[in-house]
Amino acid sequence: MTVRVSKPEFNLREKLTELDYSTLPYDKIPPGGIVQCKTIYAPNTTFTTTAQNWTTIDHSSANYEITISPKFLGSLITYEVIFTSNLNDDDGYARYRLVDFNNPSGTTVFHENTYCAASHYKVSTDDWINVPIMSMGTVKHMGEHRLNLQVKIWNGGTLSFSWSGGDYRIVRAMEIRQ
């Protein structure tokens, strides 16, 4: 007895072409995959502060604000910038935090801890140092996130970004799916 099985014919190359995306759809991004990356080019000039309360690093002189609209609730957003600065007080230092100005609950700290970075602790007042800021937070609301870097001075002094009018910095925010 002969049994015949019939199956539909298909072209393997055609099927593979259907799976080839020039841009991967968001729903196909695996956990840990980069969903999007926003980058701006910002000047490193003229911002100074002596503020002992939280102050936003001024947009007109050193615009470290970046806007990103996450695609997934619960994904992570990383924020990165490195700038050159000086603090003219031997026992003074700076603390930094990242805030979301567009949070529906009002301006809120984006990361889990009180601070996301510090600089100039026990650094000579003559030194201009590179300050790396790397922070991460969880997306808790959909819609645009307007992330701003803020600074607070402890124990006195003036924090200055006036290293060079010709220097620019990369500010980056990246969404990572969870």
C-alpha atoms as a PDB file:
ATOM      1  CA  MET A   1       0.000   0.000   0.000  1.00  0.00           C
ATOM      2  CA  THR A   2       1.358   3.391  -1.005  1.00  0.00           C
ATOM      3  CA  VAL A   3       0.627   6.453   1.106  1.00  0.00           C
ATOM      4  CA  ARG A   4       0.946   9.825  -0.531  1.00  0.00           C
ATOM      5  CA  VAL A   5       1.577  12.918   1.518  1.00  0.00           C
ATOM      6  CA  SER A   6       1.169  16.304  -0.048  1.00  0.00           C
ATOM      7  CA  LYS A   7       2.517  19.494   1.365  1.00  0.00           C
ATOM      8  CA  PRO A   8       2.445  23.009   0.068  1.00  0.00           C
ATOM      9  CA  GLU A   9       5.466  24.082  -1.882  1.00  0.00           C
ATOM     10  CA  PHE A  10       7.422  27.079  -0.699  1.00  0.00           C
ATOM     11  CA  ASN A  11      10.586  28.869  -1.630  1.00  0.00           C
ATOM     12  CA  LEU A  12      13.011  28.920   1.301  1.00  0.00           C
ATOM     13  CA  ARG A  13      14.754  32.064   0.026  1.00  0.00           C
ATOM     14  CA  GLU A  14      11.394  33.882  -0.118  1.00  0.00           C
ATOM     15  CA  LYS A  15      10.581  32.891   3.473  1.00  0.00           C
ATOM     16  CA  LEU A  16      13.969  34.102   4.689  1.00  0.00           C
ATOM     17  CA  THR A  17      13.472  37.409   2.879  1.00  0.00           C
ATOM     18  CA  GLU A  18      10.170  37.868   4.719  1.00  0.00           C
ATOM     19  CA  LEU A  19      12.068  37.601   8.014  1.00  0.00           C
ATOM     20  CA  ASP A  20      14.818  40.027   7.009  1.00  0.00           C
ATOM     21  CA  TYR A  21      14.026  43.437   8.510  1.00  0.00           C
ATOM     22  CA  SER A  22      15.887  46.538   7.503  1.00  0.00           C
ATOM     23  CA  THR A  23      14.564  47.923  10.790  1.00  0.00           C
ATOM     24  CA  LEU A  24      13.711  45.482  13.532  1.00  0.00           C
ATOM     25  CA  PRO A  25      10.120  45.988  14.760  1.00  0.00           C
ATOM     26  CA  TYR A  26       9.973  46.998  18.435  1.00  0.00           C
ATOM     27  CA  ASP A  27       8.045  43.860  19.405  1.00  0.00           C
ATOM     28  CA  LYS A  28      10.904  41.706  18.031  1.00  0.00           C
ATOM     29  CA  ILE A  29      13.584  43.305  20.245  1.00  0.00           C
ATOM     30  CA  PRO A  30      14.655  40.735  22.857  1.00  0.00           C
ATOM     31  CA  PRO A  31      15.158  41.544  26.562  1.00  0.00           C
ATOM     32  CA  GLY A  32      18.524  43.269  26.986  1.00  0.00           C
ATOM     33  CA  GLY A  33      18.352  44.620  23.432  1.00  0.00           C
ATOM     34  CA  ILE A  34      18.818  48.305  22.635  1.00  0.00           C
ATOM     35  CA  VAL A  35      15.486  49.809  21.614  1.00  0.00           C
ATOM     36  CA  GLN A  36      16.731  53.298  20.772  1.00  0.00           C
ATOM     37  CA  CYS A  37      19.627  55.649  21.362  1.00  0.00           C
ATOM     38  CA  LYS A  38      19.367  59.466  21.396  1.00  0.00           C
ATOM     39  CA  THR A  39      22.506  61.579  21.150  1.00  0.00           C
ATOM     40  CA  ILE A  40      23.149  65.324  21.289  1.00  0.00           C
ATOM     41  CA  TYR A  41      26.332  67.333  20.924  1.00  0.00           C
ATOM     42  CA  ALA A  42      26.617  69.881  23.764  1.00  0.00           C
ATOM     43  CA  PRO A  43      29.093  72.693  24.500  1.00  0.00           C
ATOM     44  CA  ASN A  44      31.278  72.587  27.618  1.00  0.00           C
ATOM     45  CA  THR A  45      31.354  76.335  28.331  1.00  0.00           C
ATOM     46  CA  THR A  46      30.440  79.172  30.701  1.00  0.00           C
ATOM     47  CA  PHE A  47      28.198  77.394  33.246  1.00  0.00           C
ATOM     48  CA  THR A  48      29.097  78.267  36.850  1.00  0.00           C
ATOM     49  CA  THR A  49      27.282  77.751  40.140  1.00  0.00           C
ATOM     50  CA  THR A  50      27.737  78.110  43.868  1.00  0.00           C
ATOM     51  CA  ALA A  51      24.261  76.710  44.593  1.00  0.00           C
ATOM     52  CA  GLN A  52      23.898  74.616  47.712  1.00  0.00           C
ATOM     53  CA  ASN A  53      20.465  73.477  46.522  1.00  0.00           C
ATOM     54  CA  TRP A  54      19.676  71.526  43.358  1.00  0.00           C
ATOM     55  CA  THR A  55      20.173  73.570  40.212  1.00  0.00           C
ATOM     56  CA  THR A  56      19.819  72.464  36.599  1.00  0.00           C
ATOM     57  CA  ILE A  57      22.968  72.765  34.536  1.00  0.00           C
ATOM     58  CA  ASP A  58      22.074  75.800  32.409  1.00  0.00           C
ATOM     59  CA  HIS A  59      20.672  75.067  28.946  1.00  0.00           C
ATOM     60  CA  SER A  60      22.110  78.183  27.313  1.00  0.00           C
ATOM     61  CA  SER A  61      25.721  77.360  28.165  1.00  0.00           C
ATOM     62  CA  ALA A  62      25.997  73.591  28.696  1.00  0.00           C
ATOM     63  CA  ASN A  63      22.867  71.891  27.413  1.00  0.00           C
ATOM     64  CA  TYR A  64      22.940  68.424  28.960  1.00  0.00           C
ATOM     65  CA  GLU A  65      19.163  68.013  28.676  1.00  0.00           C
ATOM     66  CA  ILE A  66      18.068  65.134  26.463  1.00  0.00           C
ATOM     67  CA  THR A  67      14.571  64.026  25.512  1.00  0.00           C
ATOM     68  CA  ILE A  68      13.621  60.416  24.855  1.00  0.00           C
ATOM     69  CA  SER A  69      10.211  58.768  24.344  1.00  0.00           C
ATOM     70  CA  PRO A  70      10.425  55.164  25.574  1.00  0.00           C
ATOM     71  CA  LYS A  71       8.676  52.393  23.687  1.00  0.00           C
ATOM     72  CA  PHE A  72       8.247  50.009  26.657  1.00  0.00           C
ATOM     73  CA  LEU A  73       7.056  50.495  30.213  1.00  0.00           C
ATOM     74  CA  GLY A  74       9.628  48.944  32.556  1.00  0.00           C
ATOM     75  CA  SER A  75      12.566  49.276  30.188  1.00  0.00           C
ATOM     76  CA  LEU A  76      15.805  50.899  31.399  1.00  0.00           C
ATOM     77  CA  ILE A  77      17.125  54.239  30.206  1.00  0.00           C
ATOM     78  CA  THR A  78      20.814  54.978  30.617  1.00  0.00           C
ATOM     79  CA  TYR A  79      22.189  58.540  30.561  1.00  0.00           C
ATOM     80  CA  GLU A  80      25.828  59.381  29.885  1.00  0.00           C
ATOM     81  CA  VAL A  81      27.977  62.487  29.591  1.00  0.00           C
ATOM     82  CA  ILE A  82      31.570  63.393  30.448  1.00  0.00           C
ATOM     83  CA  PHE A  83      32.487  67.053  30.969  1.00  0.00           C
ATOM     84  CA  THR A  84      35.502  69.039  32.194  1.00  0.00           C
ATOM     85  CA  SER A  85      35.074  71.256  35.257  1.00  0.00           C
ATOM     86  CA  ASN A  86      36.817  72.959  38.171  1.00  0.00           C
ATOM     87  CA  LEU A  87      35.770  73.648  41.774  1.00  0.00           C
ATOM     88  CA  ASN A  88      37.736  76.433  43.478  1.00  0.00           C
ATOM     89  CA  ASP A  89      37.402  75.288  47.112  1.00  0.00           C
ATOM     90  CA  ASP A  90      39.701  72.696  48.727  1.00  0.00           C
ATOM     91  CA  ASP A  91      37.018  71.087  50.897  1.00  0.00           C
ATOM     92  CA  GLY A  92      34.103  71.668  48.508  1.00  0.00           C
ATOM     93  CA  TYR A  93      32.646  69.023  46.239  1.00  0.00           C
ATOM     94  CA  ALA A  94      29.705  68.531  43.876  1.00  0.00           C
ATOM     95  CA  ARG A  95      26.892  65.962  43.832  1.00  0.00           C
ATOM     96  CA  TYR A  96      24.755  65.228  40.765  1.00  0.00           C
ATOM     97  CA  ARG A  97      21.313  63.812  40.053  1.00  0.00           C
ATOM     98  CA  LEU A  98      19.218  63.212  36.942  1.00  0.00           C
ATOM     99  CA  VAL A  99      15.619  64.434  36.929  1.00  0.00           C
ATOM    100  CA  ASP A 100      12.689  63.866  34.584  1.00  0.00           C
ATOM    101  CA  PHE A 101      10.879  67.184  34.063  1.00  0.00           C
ATOM    102  CA  ASN A 102       8.022  65.448  32.204  1.00  0.00           C
ATOM    103  CA  ASN A 103       7.020  62.902  34.846  1.00  0.00           C
ATOM    104  CA  PRO A 104       3.215  63.066  35.374  1.00  0.00           C
ATOM    105  CA  SER A 105       3.854  63.132  39.152  1.00  0.00           C
ATOM    106  CA  GLY A 106       5.971  66.268  38.776  1.00  0.00           C
ATOM    107  CA  THR A 107       9.725  66.661  38.490  1.00  0.00           C
ATOM    108  CA  THR A 108      11.238  63.495  39.935  1.00  0.00           C
ATOM    109  CA  VAL A 109      14.675  61.986  40.346  1.00  0.00           C
ATOM    110  CA  PHE A 110      15.018  59.441  37.552  1.00  0.00           C
ATOM    111  CA  HIS A 111      17.489  57.005  39.166  1.00  0.00           C
ATOM    112  CA  GLU A 112      16.981  54.957  42.350  1.00  0.00           C
ATOM    113  CA  ASN A 113      19.542  56.586  44.676  1.00  0.00           C
ATOM    114  CA  THR A 114      19.734  60.173  45.911  1.00  0.00           C
ATOM    115  CA  TYR A 115      22.725  60.944  43.698  1.00  0.00           C
ATOM    116  CA  CYS A 116      24.098  59.537  40.460  1.00  0.00           C
ATOM    117  CA  ALA A 117      27.621  60.989  40.711  1.00  0.00           C
ATOM    118  CA  ALA A 118      30.041  63.181  42.659  1.00  0.00           C
ATOM    119  CA  SER A 119      33.126  65.200  41.778  1.00  0.00           C
ATOM    120  CA  HIS A 120      35.990  67.308  43.134  1.00  0.00           C
ATOM    121  CA  TYR A 121      36.203  65.756  46.603  1.00  0.00           C
ATOM    122  CA  LYS A 122      39.743  66.472  47.860  1.00  0.00           C
ATOM    123  CA  VAL A 123      40.825  67.731  44.417  1.00  0.00           C
ATOM    124  CA  SER A 124      43.222  70.684  44.161  1.00  0.00           C
ATOM    125  CA  THR A 125      41.548  73.988  43.311  1.00  0.00           C
ATOM    126  CA  ASP A 126      43.911  74.335  40.322  1.00  0.00           C
ATOM    127  CA  ASP A 127      42.768  71.112  38.656  1.00  0.00           C
ATOM    128  CA  TRP A 128      40.322  70.843  35.775  1.00  0.00           C
ATOM    129  CA  ILE A 129      39.023  67.280  35.830  1.00  0.00           C
ATOM    130  CA  ASN A 130      36.871  65.141  33.589  1.00  0.00           C
ATOM    131  CA  VAL A 131      33.621  64.213  35.335  1.00  0.00           C
ATOM    132  CA  PRO A 132      31.881  61.075  34.033  1.00  0.00           C
ATOM    133  CA  ILE A 133      28.139  60.950  34.690  1.00  0.00           C
ATOM    134  CA  MET A 134      26.520  57.572  34.057  1.00  0.00           C
ATOM    135  CA  SER A 135      23.061  56.962  35.402  1.00  0.00           C
ATOM    136  CA  MET A 136      20.200  54.543  34.837  1.00  0.00           C
ATOM    137  CA  GLY A 137      16.501  54.510  35.669  1.00  0.00           C
ATOM    138  CA  THR A 138      13.402  52.446  34.983  1.00  0.00           C
ATOM    139  CA  VAL A 139      10.638  53.751  32.715  1.00  0.00           C
ATOM    140  CA  LYS A 140       7.627  54.270  34.982  1.00  0.00           C
ATOM    141  CA  HIS A 141       5.482  56.337  32.611  1.00  0.00           C
ATOM    142  CA  MET A 142       5.026  56.360  28.877  1.00  0.00           C
ATOM    143  CA  GLY A 143       5.484  59.519  26.885  1.00  0.00           C
ATOM    144  CA  GLU A 144       8.364  61.901  26.562  1.00  0.00           C
ATOM    145  CA  HIS A 145      11.041  61.889  29.278  1.00  0.00           C
ATOM    146  CA  ARG A 146      12.900  65.224  29.529  1.00  0.00           C
ATOM    147  CA  LEU A 147      16.060  64.262  31.399  1.00  0.00           C
ATOM    148  CA  ASN A 148      18.087  67.066  33.002  1.00  0.00           C
ATOM    149  CA  LEU A 149      21.327  66.922  34.942  1.00  0.00           C
ATOM    150  CA  GLN A 150      21.317  68.853  38.218  1.00  0.00           C
ATOM    151  CA  VAL A 151      24.171  69.742  40.574  1.00  0.00           C
ATOM    152  CA  LYS A 152      24.493  70.771  44.217  1.00  0.00           C
ATOM    153  CA  ILE A 153      27.656  72.213  45.824  1.00  0.00           C
ATOM    154  CA  TRP A 154      28.690  71.009  49.301  1.00  0.00           C
ATOM    155  CA  ASN A 155      31.043  72.941  51.642  1.00  0.00           C
ATOM    156  CA  GLY A 156      31.418  75.981  49.374  1.00  0.00           C
ATOM    157  CA  GLY A 157      33.178  76.994  46.201  1.00  0.00           C
ATOM    158  CA  THR A 158      32.256  77.751  42.604  1.00  0.00           C
ATOM    159  CA  LEU A 159      31.854  74.941  40.105  1.00  0.00           C
ATOM    160  CA  SER A 160      32.904  76.101  36.644  1.00  0.00           C
ATOM    161  CA  PHE A 161      32.577  74.489  33.217  1.00  0.00           C
ATOM    162  CA  SER A 162      34.557  77.296  31.519  1.00  0.00           C
ATOM    163  CA  TRP A 163      37.422  75.039  30.397  1.00  0.00           C
ATOM    164  CA  SER A 164      37.239  75.781  26.688  1.00  0.00           C
ATOM    165  CA  GLY A 165      34.764  77.444  24.368  1.00  0.00           C
ATOM    166  CA  GLY A 166      35.776  75.031  21.614  1.00  0.00           C
ATOM    167  CA  ASP A 167      35.053  71.798  23.468  1.00  0.00           C
ATOM    168  CA  TYR A 168      31.866  69.832  22.879  1.00  0.00           C
ATOM    169  CA  ARG A 169      30.521  66.804  24.701  1.00  0.00           C
ATOM    170  CA  ILE A 170      28.324  63.898  23.680  1.00  0.00           C
ATOM    171  CA  VAL A 171      25.191  63.412  25.779  1.00  0.00           C
ATOM    172  CA  ARG A 172      23.518  60.035  25.268  1.00  0.00           C
ATOM    173  CA  ALA A 173      20.295  58.403  26.460  1.00  0.00           C
ATOM    174  CA  MET A 174      19.643  54.770  25.547  1.00  0.00           C
ATOM    175  CA  GLU A 175      16.568  52.609  26.101  1.00  0.00           C
ATOM    176  CA  ILE A 176      17.191  48.925  26.898  1.00  0.00           C
ATOM    177  CA  ARG A 177      14.288  46.493  26.832  1.00  0.00           C
ATOM    178  CA  GLN A 178      13.721  44.361  29.931  1.00  0.00           C
END
